[in-house]
């Protein structure tokens, strides 16, 4: 057998396996530029460098593309962090810091920030966007944070405050940073230091949660 011919099928196999990811990367850029309503499968295909028919081999429609994009871009991160948390027996304070750092990096430093913007901007016309994002991302993220706050309360690390309220306060600066980045950042005379905001938020949060009200 002529072994010189084997690399080409292998390259084709790798290319075929990588194509869904390439399509999702292209979709992220198209959604960022056009929003959900105006984006077309043809636009995504062109950006990905494939035919429109090729996209339909992997995704049924634009809705399916968006849902898979959310799962790949955000849902998988939440699943990974949840697994890490489940296997860690250290302090709840350390875990909360790790979770906030991971999630803020995902929203503030990457192009994934366009996803919540699209949901907020277009959910009135596409109610399923809010439904899907609520249960695929928000409920899972809040559930994780509530469990960590309750863990801290049970261990005496935190004073007993309602975990469901603390969880929303915990997330709020990330949402502010995400909205600011996609809406107002281009008007800032100097780039805003979102990482310093998160560090300040953690300092205030942990002081507020401390059993004796003292600094951690």
C-alpha atoms as a PDB file:
ATOM      1  CA  UNK A   1       0.000   0.000   0.000  1.00  0.00           C
ATOM      2  CA  UNK A   2       1.235   3.485  -0.811  1.00  0.00           C
ATOM      3  CA  UNK A   3       1.571   5.016   2.661  1.00  0.00           C
ATOM      4  CA  UNK A   4       2.269   8.404   1.085  1.00  0.00           C
ATOM      5  CA  UNK A   5      -1.501   8.751   0.546  1.00  0.00           C
ATOM      6  CA  UNK A   6      -2.507   8.289   4.201  1.00  0.00           C
ATOM      7  CA  UNK A   7      -1.875  11.811   5.554  1.00  0.00           C
ATOM      8  CA  UNK A   8      -4.569  13.390   3.374  1.00  0.00           C
ATOM      9  CA  UNK A   9      -7.517  11.384   4.806  1.00  0.00           C
ATOM     10  CA  UNK A  10      -6.169  12.030   8.278  1.00  0.00           C
ATOM     11  CA  UNK A  11      -6.070  15.767   7.613  1.00  0.00           C
ATOM     12  CA  UNK A  12      -9.605  15.596   6.211  1.00  0.00           C
ATOM     13  CA  UNK A  13     -10.783  13.738   9.325  1.00  0.00           C
ATOM     14  CA  UNK A  14      -9.243  16.345  11.594  1.00  0.00           C
ATOM     15  CA  UNK A  15     -10.768  19.112   9.509  1.00  0.00           C
ATOM     16  CA  UNK A  16     -14.235  17.514   9.652  1.00  0.00           C
ATOM     17  CA  UNK A  17     -14.026  17.066  13.422  1.00  0.00           C
ATOM     18  CA  UNK A  18     -12.915  20.667  13.901  1.00  0.00           C
ATOM     19  CA  UNK A  19     -15.599  22.149  11.657  1.00  0.00           C
ATOM     20  CA  UNK A  20     -18.393  22.520  14.280  1.00  0.00           C
ATOM     21  CA  UNK A  21     -16.005  24.528  16.442  1.00  0.00           C
ATOM     22  CA  UNK A  22     -15.008  26.685  13.492  1.00  0.00           C
ATOM     23  CA  UNK A  23     -18.657  27.333  12.699  1.00  0.00           C
ATOM     24  CA  UNK A  24     -19.352  28.317  16.309  1.00  0.00           C
ATOM     25  CA  UNK A  25     -16.356  30.674  16.333  1.00  0.00           C
ATOM     26  CA  UNK A  26     -17.708  32.287  13.176  1.00  0.00           C
ATOM     27  CA  UNK A  27     -21.203  32.485  14.669  1.00  0.00           C
ATOM     28  CA  UNK A  28     -19.851  34.307  17.724  1.00  0.00           C
ATOM     29  CA  UNK A  29     -18.380  36.991  15.473  1.00  0.00           C
ATOM     30  CA  UNK A  30     -21.512  37.284  13.349  1.00  0.00           C
ATOM     31  CA  UNK A  31     -23.823  37.516  16.367  1.00  0.00           C
ATOM     32  CA  UNK A  32     -21.522  40.144  17.881  1.00  0.00           C
ATOM     33  CA  UNK A  33     -21.699  42.241  14.720  1.00  0.00           C
ATOM     34  CA  UNK A  34     -25.344  41.786  13.731  1.00  0.00           C
ATOM     35  CA  UNK A  35     -27.216  40.544  16.783  1.00  0.00           C
ATOM     36  CA  UNK A  36     -29.413  37.458  16.681  1.00  0.00           C
ATOM     37  CA  UNK A  37     -32.315  38.731  14.570  1.00  0.00           C
ATOM     38  CA  UNK A  38     -30.204  40.104  11.728  1.00  0.00           C
ATOM     39  CA  UNK A  39     -27.686  37.269  11.604  1.00  0.00           C
ATOM     40  CA  UNK A  40     -28.254  34.703   8.852  1.00  0.00           C
ATOM     41  CA  UNK A  41     -26.935  31.215   8.348  1.00  0.00           C
ATOM     42  CA  UNK A  42     -25.393  32.494   5.102  1.00  0.00           C
ATOM     43  CA  UNK A  43     -23.415  35.070   7.106  1.00  0.00           C
ATOM     44  CA  UNK A  44     -22.113  32.419   9.481  1.00  0.00           C
ATOM     45  CA  UNK A  45     -21.185  30.124   6.589  1.00  0.00           C
ATOM     46  CA  UNK A  46     -19.296  32.884   4.817  1.00  0.00           C
ATOM     47  CA  UNK A  47     -17.389  33.834   7.969  1.00  0.00           C
ATOM     48  CA  UNK A  48     -16.552  30.161   8.611  1.00  0.00           C
ATOM     49  CA  UNK A  49     -15.421  29.642   5.023  1.00  0.00           C
ATOM     50  CA  UNK A  50     -17.932  26.892   4.294  1.00  0.00           C
ATOM     51  CA  UNK A  51     -21.085  26.554   2.240  1.00  0.00           C
ATOM     52  CA  UNK A  52     -24.499  27.116   3.770  1.00  0.00           C
ATOM     53  CA  UNK A  53     -25.254  23.452   3.172  1.00  0.00           C
ATOM     54  CA  UNK A  54     -22.257  22.442   5.265  1.00  0.00           C
ATOM     55  CA  UNK A  55     -23.624  24.268   8.313  1.00  0.00           C
ATOM     56  CA  UNK A  56     -26.862  22.306   8.053  1.00  0.00           C
ATOM     57  CA  UNK A  57     -24.886  19.081   8.368  1.00  0.00           C
ATOM     58  CA  UNK A  58     -24.133  20.096  11.951  1.00  0.00           C
ATOM     59  CA  UNK A  59     -26.851  22.558  12.999  1.00  0.00           C
ATOM     60  CA  UNK A  60     -30.549  22.487  12.217  1.00  0.00           C
ATOM     61  CA  UNK A  61     -31.037  26.265  12.272  1.00  0.00           C
ATOM     62  CA  UNK A  62     -29.805  29.554  13.719  1.00  0.00           C
ATOM     63  CA  UNK A  63     -31.472  28.824  17.047  1.00  0.00           C
ATOM     64  CA  UNK A  64     -29.556  25.567  17.344  1.00  0.00           C
ATOM     65  CA  UNK A  65     -26.302  27.376  16.558  1.00  0.00           C
ATOM     66  CA  UNK A  66     -26.925  29.936  19.302  1.00  0.00           C
ATOM     67  CA  UNK A  67     -27.866  27.307  21.885  1.00  0.00           C
ATOM     68  CA  UNK A  68     -24.782  25.238  21.162  1.00  0.00           C
ATOM     69  CA  UNK A  69     -22.655  28.370  21.266  1.00  0.00           C
ATOM     70  CA  UNK A  70     -23.944  29.171  24.756  1.00  0.00           C
ATOM     71  CA  UNK A  71     -23.341  25.601  25.900  1.00  0.00           C
ATOM     72  CA  UNK A  72     -19.796  25.562  24.519  1.00  0.00           C
ATOM     73  CA  UNK A  73     -18.851  29.093  25.554  1.00  0.00           C
ATOM     74  CA  UNK A  74     -20.479  29.336  28.997  1.00  0.00           C
ATOM     75  CA  UNK A  75     -22.199  26.121  30.007  1.00  0.00           C
ATOM     76  CA  UNK A  76     -19.064  23.999  29.790  1.00  0.00           C
ATOM     77  CA  UNK A  77     -17.166  26.484  31.954  1.00  0.00           C
ATOM     78  CA  UNK A  78     -19.851  26.324  34.639  1.00  0.00           C
ATOM     79  CA  UNK A  79     -19.826  22.512  34.484  1.00  0.00           C
ATOM     80  CA  UNK A  80     -16.039  22.403  34.879  1.00  0.00           C
ATOM     81  CA  UNK A  81     -16.061  24.830  37.808  1.00  0.00           C
ATOM     82  CA  UNK A  82     -18.887  22.877  39.472  1.00  0.00           C
ATOM     83  CA  UNK A  83     -16.872  19.660  39.195  1.00  0.00           C
ATOM     84  CA  UNK A  84     -13.793  21.359  40.653  1.00  0.00           C
ATOM     85  CA  UNK A  85     -15.822  22.738  43.541  1.00  0.00           C
ATOM     86  CA  UNK A  86     -17.338  19.337  44.330  1.00  0.00           C
ATOM     87  CA  UNK A  87     -13.897  17.784  44.780  1.00  0.00           C
ATOM     88  CA  UNK A  88     -12.421  20.602  46.896  1.00  0.00           C
ATOM     89  CA  UNK A  89     -12.684  20.502  50.673  1.00  0.00           C
ATOM     90  CA  UNK A  90     -11.074  23.861  51.441  1.00  0.00           C
ATOM     91  CA  UNK A  91     -12.643  27.148  52.439  1.00  0.00           C
ATOM     92  CA  UNK A  92     -15.771  28.522  50.823  1.00  0.00           C
ATOM     93  CA  UNK A  93     -14.020  31.900  50.616  1.00  0.00           C
ATOM     94  CA  UNK A  94     -11.298  30.455  48.388  1.00  0.00           C
ATOM     95  CA  UNK A  95     -13.879  28.756  46.168  1.00  0.00           C
ATOM     96  CA  UNK A  96     -15.955  31.915  45.784  1.00  0.00           C
ATOM     97  CA  UNK A  97     -12.845  33.847  44.801  1.00  0.00           C
ATOM     98  CA  UNK A  98     -11.953  31.166  42.264  1.00  0.00           C
ATOM     99  CA  UNK A  99     -15.475  31.085  40.813  1.00  0.00           C
ATOM    100  CA  UNK A 100     -15.719  34.856  40.473  1.00  0.00           C
ATOM    101  CA  UNK A 101     -12.265  35.103  38.898  1.00  0.00           C
ATOM    102  CA  UNK A 102     -13.074  32.371  36.381  1.00  0.00           C
ATOM    103  CA  UNK A 103     -16.494  33.724  35.459  1.00  0.00           C
ATOM    104  CA  UNK A 104     -15.364  37.349  35.274  1.00  0.00           C
ATOM    105  CA  UNK A 105     -12.467  36.413  32.991  1.00  0.00           C
ATOM    106  CA  UNK A 106     -14.920  34.620  30.717  1.00  0.00           C
ATOM    107  CA  UNK A 107     -17.267  37.617  30.533  1.00  0.00           C
ATOM    108  CA  UNK A 108     -14.866  40.543  30.745  1.00  0.00           C
ATOM    109  CA  UNK A 109     -11.798  39.386  28.820  1.00  0.00           C
ATOM    110  CA  UNK A 110     -13.314  37.346  25.995  1.00  0.00           C
ATOM    111  CA  UNK A 111     -15.764  37.809  23.137  1.00  0.00           C
ATOM    112  CA  UNK A 112     -18.267  35.649  25.054  1.00  0.00           C
ATOM    113  CA  UNK A 113     -19.502  38.888  26.600  1.00  0.00           C
ATOM    114  CA  UNK A 114     -21.761  39.361  23.549  1.00  0.00           C
ATOM    115  CA  UNK A 115     -23.980  36.443  24.592  1.00  0.00           C
ATOM    116  CA  UNK A 116     -25.719  38.058  27.593  1.00  0.00           C
ATOM    117  CA  UNK A 117     -25.947  41.285  25.594  1.00  0.00           C
ATOM    118  CA  UNK A 118     -27.868  39.478  22.851  1.00  0.00           C
ATOM    119  CA  UNK A 119     -30.185  37.854  25.393  1.00  0.00           C
ATOM    120  CA  UNK A 120     -30.944  41.178  27.089  1.00  0.00           C
ATOM    121  CA  UNK A 121     -31.373  43.094  23.826  1.00  0.00           C
ATOM    122  CA  UNK A 122     -33.455  40.605  21.879  1.00  0.00           C
ATOM    123  CA  UNK A 123     -35.420  38.520  24.382  1.00  0.00           C
ATOM    124  CA  UNK A 124     -38.540  40.668  23.881  1.00  0.00           C
ATOM    125  CA  UNK A 125     -38.746  39.496  20.263  1.00  0.00           C
ATOM    126  CA  UNK A 126     -37.320  36.034  20.955  1.00  0.00           C
ATOM    127  CA  UNK A 127     -38.593  34.957  24.410  1.00  0.00           C
ATOM    128  CA  UNK A 128     -36.881  31.565  24.096  1.00  0.00           C
ATOM    129  CA  UNK A 129     -33.516  33.358  24.339  1.00  0.00           C
ATOM    130  CA  UNK A 130     -34.266  34.406  27.909  1.00  0.00           C
ATOM    131  CA  UNK A 131     -35.777  31.021  28.799  1.00  0.00           C
ATOM    132  CA  UNK A 132     -32.811  29.119  27.454  1.00  0.00           C
ATOM    133  CA  UNK A 133     -30.139  31.389  28.962  1.00  0.00           C
ATOM    134  CA  UNK A 134     -31.956  31.488  32.304  1.00  0.00           C
ATOM    135  CA  UNK A 135     -31.989  27.723  32.746  1.00  0.00           C
ATOM    136  CA  UNK A 136     -28.797  26.823  30.876  1.00  0.00           C
ATOM    137  CA  UNK A 137     -26.563  29.464  32.461  1.00  0.00           C
ATOM    138  CA  UNK A 138     -28.120  31.620  35.174  1.00  0.00           C
ATOM    139  CA  UNK A 139     -29.847  28.904  37.206  1.00  0.00           C
ATOM    140  CA  UNK A 140     -26.773  26.672  37.127  1.00  0.00           C
ATOM    141  CA  UNK A 141     -24.457  29.539  38.024  1.00  0.00           C
ATOM    142  CA  UNK A 142     -26.683  30.813  40.833  1.00  0.00           C
ATOM    143  CA  UNK A 143     -27.158  27.289  42.142  1.00  0.00           C
ATOM    144  CA  UNK A 144     -23.398  26.833  42.376  1.00  0.00           C
ATOM    145  CA  UNK A 145     -22.871  30.123  44.195  1.00  0.00           C
ATOM    146  CA  UNK A 146     -25.776  29.572  46.593  1.00  0.00           C
ATOM    147  CA  UNK A 147     -24.298  26.193  47.528  1.00  0.00           C
ATOM    148  CA  UNK A 148     -20.895  27.761  48.227  1.00  0.00           C
ATOM    149  CA  UNK A 149     -22.367  30.501  50.399  1.00  0.00           C
ATOM    150  CA  UNK A 150     -24.401  27.931  52.315  1.00  0.00           C
ATOM    151  CA  UNK A 151     -21.247  25.861  52.753  1.00  0.00           C
ATOM    152  CA  UNK A 152     -19.503  28.895  54.257  1.00  0.00           C
ATOM    153  CA  UNK A 153     -22.437  29.522  56.592  1.00  0.00           C
ATOM    154  CA  UNK A 154     -22.570  25.886  57.711  1.00  0.00           C
ATOM    155  CA  UNK A 155     -18.835  25.923  58.473  1.00  0.00           C
ATOM    156  CA  UNK A 156     -18.966  29.192  60.359  1.00  0.00           C
ATOM    157  CA  UNK A 157     -16.939  31.090  57.745  1.00  0.00           C
ATOM    158  CA  UNK A 158     -19.840  33.412  56.912  1.00  0.00           C
ATOM    159  CA  UNK A 159     -22.576  34.954  58.996  1.00  0.00           C
ATOM    160  CA  UNK A 160     -26.066  33.620  58.261  1.00  0.00           C
ATOM    161  CA  UNK A 161     -27.455  35.772  55.474  1.00  0.00           C
ATOM    162  CA  UNK A 162     -29.961  34.579  52.823  1.00  0.00           C
ATOM    163  CA  UNK A 163     -27.740  32.731  50.306  1.00  0.00           C
ATOM    164  CA  UNK A 164     -30.064  33.458  47.376  1.00  0.00           C
ATOM    165  CA  UNK A 165     -29.683  37.224  47.932  1.00  0.00           C
ATOM    166  CA  UNK A 166     -25.944  37.069  48.538  1.00  0.00           C
ATOM    167  CA  UNK A 167     -25.540  35.061  45.323  1.00  0.00           C
ATOM    168  CA  UNK A 168     -27.169  37.810  43.274  1.00  0.00           C
ATOM    169  CA  UNK A 169     -25.037  40.467  44.957  1.00  0.00           C
ATOM    170  CA  UNK A 170     -22.023  38.276  44.203  1.00  0.00           C
ATOM    171  CA  UNK A 171     -22.831  38.177  40.479  1.00  0.00           C
ATOM    172  CA  UNK A 172     -23.925  41.804  40.034  1.00  0.00           C
ATOM    173  CA  UNK A 173     -20.483  43.365  39.330  1.00  0.00           C
ATOM    174  CA  UNK A 174     -19.835  40.840  36.569  1.00  0.00           C
ATOM    175  CA  UNK A 175     -23.071  41.797  34.848  1.00  0.00           C
ATOM    176  CA  UNK A 176     -22.237  45.476  35.239  1.00  0.00           C
ATOM    177  CA  UNK A 177     -18.789  44.917  33.722  1.00  0.00           C
ATOM    178  CA  UNK A 178     -20.234  42.913  30.839  1.00  0.00           C
ATOM    179  CA  UNK A 179     -22.877  45.537  30.044  1.00  0.00           C
ATOM    180  CA  UNK A 180     -20.351  48.355  30.412  1.00  0.00           C
ATOM    181  CA  UNK A 181     -17.866  46.658  28.114  1.00  0.00           C
ATOM    182  CA  UNK A 182     -20.308  46.176  25.231  1.00  0.00           C
ATOM    183  CA  UNK A 183     -22.235  49.447  25.663  1.00  0.00           C
ATOM    184  CA  UNK A 184     -20.148  52.235  27.200  1.00  0.00           C
ATOM    185  CA  UNK A 185     -16.482  51.180  27.115  1.00  0.00           C
ATOM    186  CA  UNK A 186     -15.819  52.896  23.784  1.00  0.00           C
ATOM    187  CA  UNK A 187     -16.663  56.232  25.469  1.00  0.00           C
ATOM    188  CA  UNK A 188     -14.178  55.805  28.337  1.00  0.00           C
ATOM    189  CA  UNK A 189     -11.225  58.203  28.127  1.00  0.00           C
ATOM    190  CA  UNK A 190      -9.105  55.416  29.616  1.00  0.00           C
ATOM    191  CA  UNK A 191      -9.849  51.666  29.718  1.00  0.00           C
ATOM    192  CA  UNK A 192     -11.700  50.818  32.902  1.00  0.00           C
ATOM    193  CA  UNK A 193      -9.939  48.389  35.254  1.00  0.00           C
ATOM    194  CA  UNK A 194     -12.594  45.679  35.602  1.00  0.00           C
ATOM    195  CA  UNK A 195     -10.183  43.361  37.421  1.00  0.00           C
ATOM    196  CA  UNK A 196      -9.705  45.980  40.130  1.00  0.00           C
ATOM    197  CA  UNK A 197     -13.500  46.246  40.376  1.00  0.00           C
ATOM    198  CA  UNK A 198     -13.742  42.498  41.005  1.00  0.00           C
ATOM    199  CA  UNK A 199     -10.958  42.624  43.608  1.00  0.00           C
ATOM    200  CA  UNK A 200     -12.693  45.509  45.400  1.00  0.00           C
ATOM    201  CA  UNK A 201     -16.015  43.692  45.247  1.00  0.00           C
ATOM    202  CA  UNK A 202     -14.513  40.583  46.837  1.00  0.00           C
ATOM    203  CA  UNK A 203     -12.989  42.646  49.641  1.00  0.00           C
ATOM    204  CA  UNK A 204     -16.328  44.294  50.426  1.00  0.00           C
ATOM    205  CA  UNK A 205     -18.233  41.014  50.066  1.00  0.00           C
ATOM    206  CA  UNK A 206     -15.999  39.032  52.410  1.00  0.00           C
ATOM    207  CA  UNK A 207     -16.014  41.808  54.994  1.00  0.00           C
ATOM    208  CA  UNK A 208     -19.797  41.765  54.869  1.00  0.00           C
ATOM    209  CA  UNK A 209     -19.916  37.990  55.190  1.00  0.00           C
ATOM    210  CA  UNK A 210     -17.380  37.721  58.014  1.00  0.00           C
ATOM    211  CA  UNK A 211     -19.018  36.300  61.184  1.00  0.00           C
ATOM    212  CA  UNK A 212     -17.699  39.118  63.364  1.00  0.00           C
ATOM    213  CA  UNK A 213     -17.846  41.806  60.704  1.00  0.00           C
ATOM    214  CA  UNK A 214     -14.051  42.034  60.642  1.00  0.00           C
ATOM    215  CA  UNK A 215     -11.836  41.884  57.577  1.00  0.00           C
ATOM    216  CA  UNK A 216     -11.037  38.306  56.481  1.00  0.00           C
END
